[in-house]
């Protein structure tokens, strides 16, 4: 289920999201928050989708992205309206089908 929580900066959207997660059927699973406006363009895909070792210079180990970390739980996407234009084309696979790209990889299906 997707839920849109709107409001000005500092009005408690994150608090509401955490409260909703806490009373949901997913409460025992992770609550992962990501501030979309604070992600630099160079790490955007790696933060969201993870990366495999060697995908870029500093990728020394495989790293799960926020989608995979939130598997079965809640992914709170904060400040989505602040995503830079060049980043707006990145899309996760809503069916949870594994896919890979130059610097990221889903190693298994996920549910968020």
C-alpha atoms as a PDB file:
ATOM      1  CA  UNK A   1       0.000   0.000   0.000  1.00  0.00           C
ATOM      2  CA  UNK A   2       1.286   3.474  -0.848  1.00  0.00           C
ATOM      3  CA  UNK A   3       0.418   6.402   1.406  1.00  0.00           C
ATOM      4  CA  UNK A   4       1.145  10.067   0.671  1.00  0.00           C
ATOM      5  CA  UNK A   5       1.732  12.255   3.726  1.00  0.00           C
ATOM      6  CA  UNK A   6       1.891  15.955   2.844  1.00  0.00           C
ATOM      7  CA  UNK A   7       2.924  18.989   4.837  1.00  0.00           C
ATOM      8  CA  UNK A   8       5.510  21.722   5.154  1.00  0.00           C
ATOM      9  CA  UNK A   9       9.058  20.985   6.318  1.00  0.00           C
ATOM     10  CA  UNK A  10       9.206  20.250  10.025  1.00  0.00           C
ATOM     11  CA  UNK A  11       5.529  19.397  10.470  1.00  0.00           C
ATOM     12  CA  UNK A  12       6.112  15.800  11.561  1.00  0.00           C
ATOM     13  CA  UNK A  13       5.584  13.729   8.414  1.00  0.00           C
ATOM     14  CA  UNK A  14       8.286  11.325   9.612  1.00  0.00           C
ATOM     15  CA  UNK A  15       6.641  10.975  13.022  1.00  0.00           C
ATOM     16  CA  UNK A  16       3.325  10.145  11.352  1.00  0.00           C
ATOM     17  CA  UNK A  17       5.020   7.589   9.079  1.00  0.00           C
ATOM     18  CA  UNK A  18       6.726   5.897  12.053  1.00  0.00           C
ATOM     19  CA  UNK A  19       3.443   5.798  13.994  1.00  0.00           C
ATOM     20  CA  UNK A  20       1.624   4.253  11.032  1.00  0.00           C
ATOM     21  CA  UNK A  21       4.390   1.669  10.653  1.00  0.00           C
ATOM     22  CA  UNK A  22       4.241   0.851  14.383  1.00  0.00           C
ATOM     23  CA  UNK A  23       0.534  -0.051  14.240  1.00  0.00           C
ATOM     24  CA  UNK A  24       0.699  -1.851  10.901  1.00  0.00           C
ATOM     25  CA  UNK A  25       1.060  -5.535  10.114  1.00  0.00           C
ATOM     26  CA  UNK A  26       4.667  -4.714   9.116  1.00  0.00           C
ATOM     27  CA  UNK A  27       5.624  -3.342  12.548  1.00  0.00           C
ATOM     28  CA  UNK A  28       8.082  -6.187  13.236  1.00  0.00           C
ATOM     29  CA  UNK A  29       9.892  -5.471   9.965  1.00  0.00           C
ATOM     30  CA  UNK A  30      12.287  -2.571   9.265  1.00  0.00           C
ATOM     31  CA  UNK A  31      11.307   1.075   8.985  1.00  0.00           C
ATOM     32  CA  UNK A  32      13.795   2.703   6.603  1.00  0.00           C
ATOM     33  CA  UNK A  33      13.767   6.443   5.971  1.00  0.00           C
ATOM     34  CA  UNK A  34      15.519   8.259   3.132  1.00  0.00           C
ATOM     35  CA  UNK A  35      15.670  12.017   2.573  1.00  0.00           C
ATOM     36  CA  UNK A  36      15.490  12.234  -1.206  1.00  0.00           C
ATOM     37  CA  UNK A  37      16.444  15.898  -1.312  1.00  0.00           C
ATOM     38  CA  UNK A  38      19.637  15.189   0.597  1.00  0.00           C
ATOM     39  CA  UNK A  39      21.020  12.529  -1.739  1.00  0.00           C
ATOM     40  CA  UNK A  40      23.771  13.842  -4.017  1.00  0.00           C
ATOM     41  CA  UNK A  41      23.388  12.816  -7.641  1.00  0.00           C
ATOM     42  CA  UNK A  42      26.576  10.730  -7.492  1.00  0.00           C
ATOM     43  CA  UNK A  43      25.261   8.358  -4.804  1.00  0.00           C
ATOM     44  CA  UNK A  44      21.536   8.450  -5.563  1.00  0.00           C
ATOM     45  CA  UNK A  45      21.225   5.056  -7.287  1.00  0.00           C
ATOM     46  CA  UNK A  46      23.660   3.357  -4.907  1.00  0.00           C
ATOM     47  CA  UNK A  47      21.754   4.579  -1.827  1.00  0.00           C
ATOM     48  CA  UNK A  48      18.365   3.489  -3.152  1.00  0.00           C
ATOM     49  CA  UNK A  49      19.261   0.333  -5.053  1.00  0.00           C
ATOM     50  CA  UNK A  50      22.576  -0.782  -3.540  1.00  0.00           C
ATOM     51  CA  UNK A  51      25.685  -1.784  -5.417  1.00  0.00           C
ATOM     52  CA  UNK A  52      27.981  -4.702  -6.012  1.00  0.00           C
ATOM     53  CA  UNK A  53      31.679  -4.792  -5.271  1.00  0.00           C
ATOM     54  CA  UNK A  54      33.674  -3.144  -8.031  1.00  0.00           C
ATOM     55  CA  UNK A  55      30.736  -1.235  -9.525  1.00  0.00           C
ATOM     56  CA  UNK A  56      32.676   2.014  -9.003  1.00  0.00           C
ATOM     57  CA  UNK A  57      35.966   3.090  -7.421  1.00  0.00           C
ATOM     58  CA  UNK A  58      34.860   3.105  -3.756  1.00  0.00           C
ATOM     59  CA  UNK A  59      32.607   0.029  -4.013  1.00  0.00           C
ATOM     60  CA  UNK A  60      34.802  -2.320  -1.985  1.00  0.00           C
ATOM     61  CA  UNK A  61      31.954  -4.559  -0.798  1.00  0.00           C
ATOM     62  CA  UNK A  62      28.407  -5.410  -1.883  1.00  0.00           C
ATOM     63  CA  UNK A  63      25.934  -3.033  -0.223  1.00  0.00           C
ATOM     64  CA  UNK A  64      22.173  -3.342   0.006  1.00  0.00           C
ATOM     65  CA  UNK A  65      20.151  -0.280  -0.982  1.00  0.00           C
ATOM     66  CA  UNK A  66      17.263   1.246   0.935  1.00  0.00           C
ATOM     67  CA  UNK A  67      14.666  -0.745  -1.034  1.00  0.00           C
ATOM     68  CA  UNK A  68      16.280  -4.036  -0.067  1.00  0.00           C
ATOM     69  CA  UNK A  69      16.890  -2.940   3.544  1.00  0.00           C
ATOM     70  CA  UNK A  70      13.172  -2.160   3.883  1.00  0.00           C
ATOM     71  CA  UNK A  71      12.143  -5.573   2.531  1.00  0.00           C
ATOM     72  CA  UNK A  72       8.851  -6.571   4.136  1.00  0.00           C
ATOM     73  CA  UNK A  73       8.704  -3.333   6.108  1.00  0.00           C
ATOM     74  CA  UNK A  74       8.251   0.341   5.359  1.00  0.00           C
ATOM     75  CA  UNK A  75      10.285   2.650   3.142  1.00  0.00           C
ATOM     76  CA  UNK A  76       9.605   6.283   4.073  1.00  0.00           C
ATOM     77  CA  UNK A  77      10.610   8.491   1.145  1.00  0.00           C
ATOM     78  CA  UNK A  78      10.941  11.987   2.615  1.00  0.00           C
ATOM     79  CA  UNK A  79      11.223  15.228   0.614  1.00  0.00           C
ATOM     80  CA  UNK A  80      10.426  13.461  -2.663  1.00  0.00           C
ATOM     81  CA  UNK A  81       9.534  16.819  -4.211  1.00  0.00           C
ATOM     82  CA  UNK A  82      13.179  17.875  -3.881  1.00  0.00           C
ATOM     83  CA  UNK A  83      14.591  15.208  -6.194  1.00  0.00           C
ATOM     84  CA  UNK A  84      16.851  16.759  -8.812  1.00  0.00           C
ATOM     85  CA  UNK A  85      15.611  16.564 -12.396  1.00  0.00           C
ATOM     86  CA  UNK A  86      18.403  14.196 -13.464  1.00  0.00           C
ATOM     87  CA  UNK A  87      17.428  11.712 -10.744  1.00  0.00           C
ATOM     88  CA  UNK A  88      13.732  11.560 -11.536  1.00  0.00           C
ATOM     89  CA  UNK A  89      14.192   8.886 -14.195  1.00  0.00           C
ATOM     90  CA  UNK A  90      15.354   6.255 -11.678  1.00  0.00           C
ATOM     91  CA  UNK A  91      12.581   3.784 -10.950  1.00  0.00           C
ATOM     92  CA  UNK A  92      12.405   0.736  -8.749  1.00  0.00           C
ATOM     93  CA  UNK A  93      10.752  -2.400  -9.981  1.00  0.00           C
ATOM     94  CA  UNK A  94       7.389  -2.524  -8.209  1.00  0.00           C
ATOM     95  CA  UNK A  95       6.971  -6.217  -9.018  1.00  0.00           C
ATOM     96  CA  UNK A  96      10.109  -7.018  -7.013  1.00  0.00           C
ATOM     97  CA  UNK A  97      11.779  -8.679  -9.985  1.00  0.00           C
ATOM     98  CA  UNK A  98      15.586  -8.752  -9.662  1.00  0.00           C
ATOM     99  CA  UNK A  99      17.433  -6.436 -12.041  1.00  0.00           C
ATOM    100  CA  UNK A 100      20.829  -4.838 -12.289  1.00  0.00           C
ATOM    101  CA  UNK A 101      22.390  -1.677 -13.666  1.00  0.00           C
ATOM    102  CA  UNK A 102      25.914  -0.295 -13.884  1.00  0.00           C
ATOM    103  CA  UNK A 103      26.306   0.438 -10.181  1.00  0.00           C
ATOM    104  CA  UNK A 104      23.391  -1.325  -8.530  1.00  0.00           C
ATOM    105  CA  UNK A 105      21.878  -4.771  -8.232  1.00  0.00           C
ATOM    106  CA  UNK A 106      18.932  -6.446  -6.612  1.00  0.00           C
ATOM    107  CA  UNK A 107      20.151  -9.814  -5.534  1.00  0.00           C
ATOM    108  CA  UNK A 108      16.669 -11.053  -4.680  1.00  0.00           C
ATOM    109  CA  UNK A 109      13.037  -9.954  -4.936  1.00  0.00           C
ATOM    110  CA  UNK A 110      11.780  -7.534  -2.284  1.00  0.00           C
ATOM    111  CA  UNK A 111       8.499  -6.288  -0.875  1.00  0.00           C
ATOM    112  CA  UNK A 112       8.181  -2.711   0.374  1.00  0.00           C
END
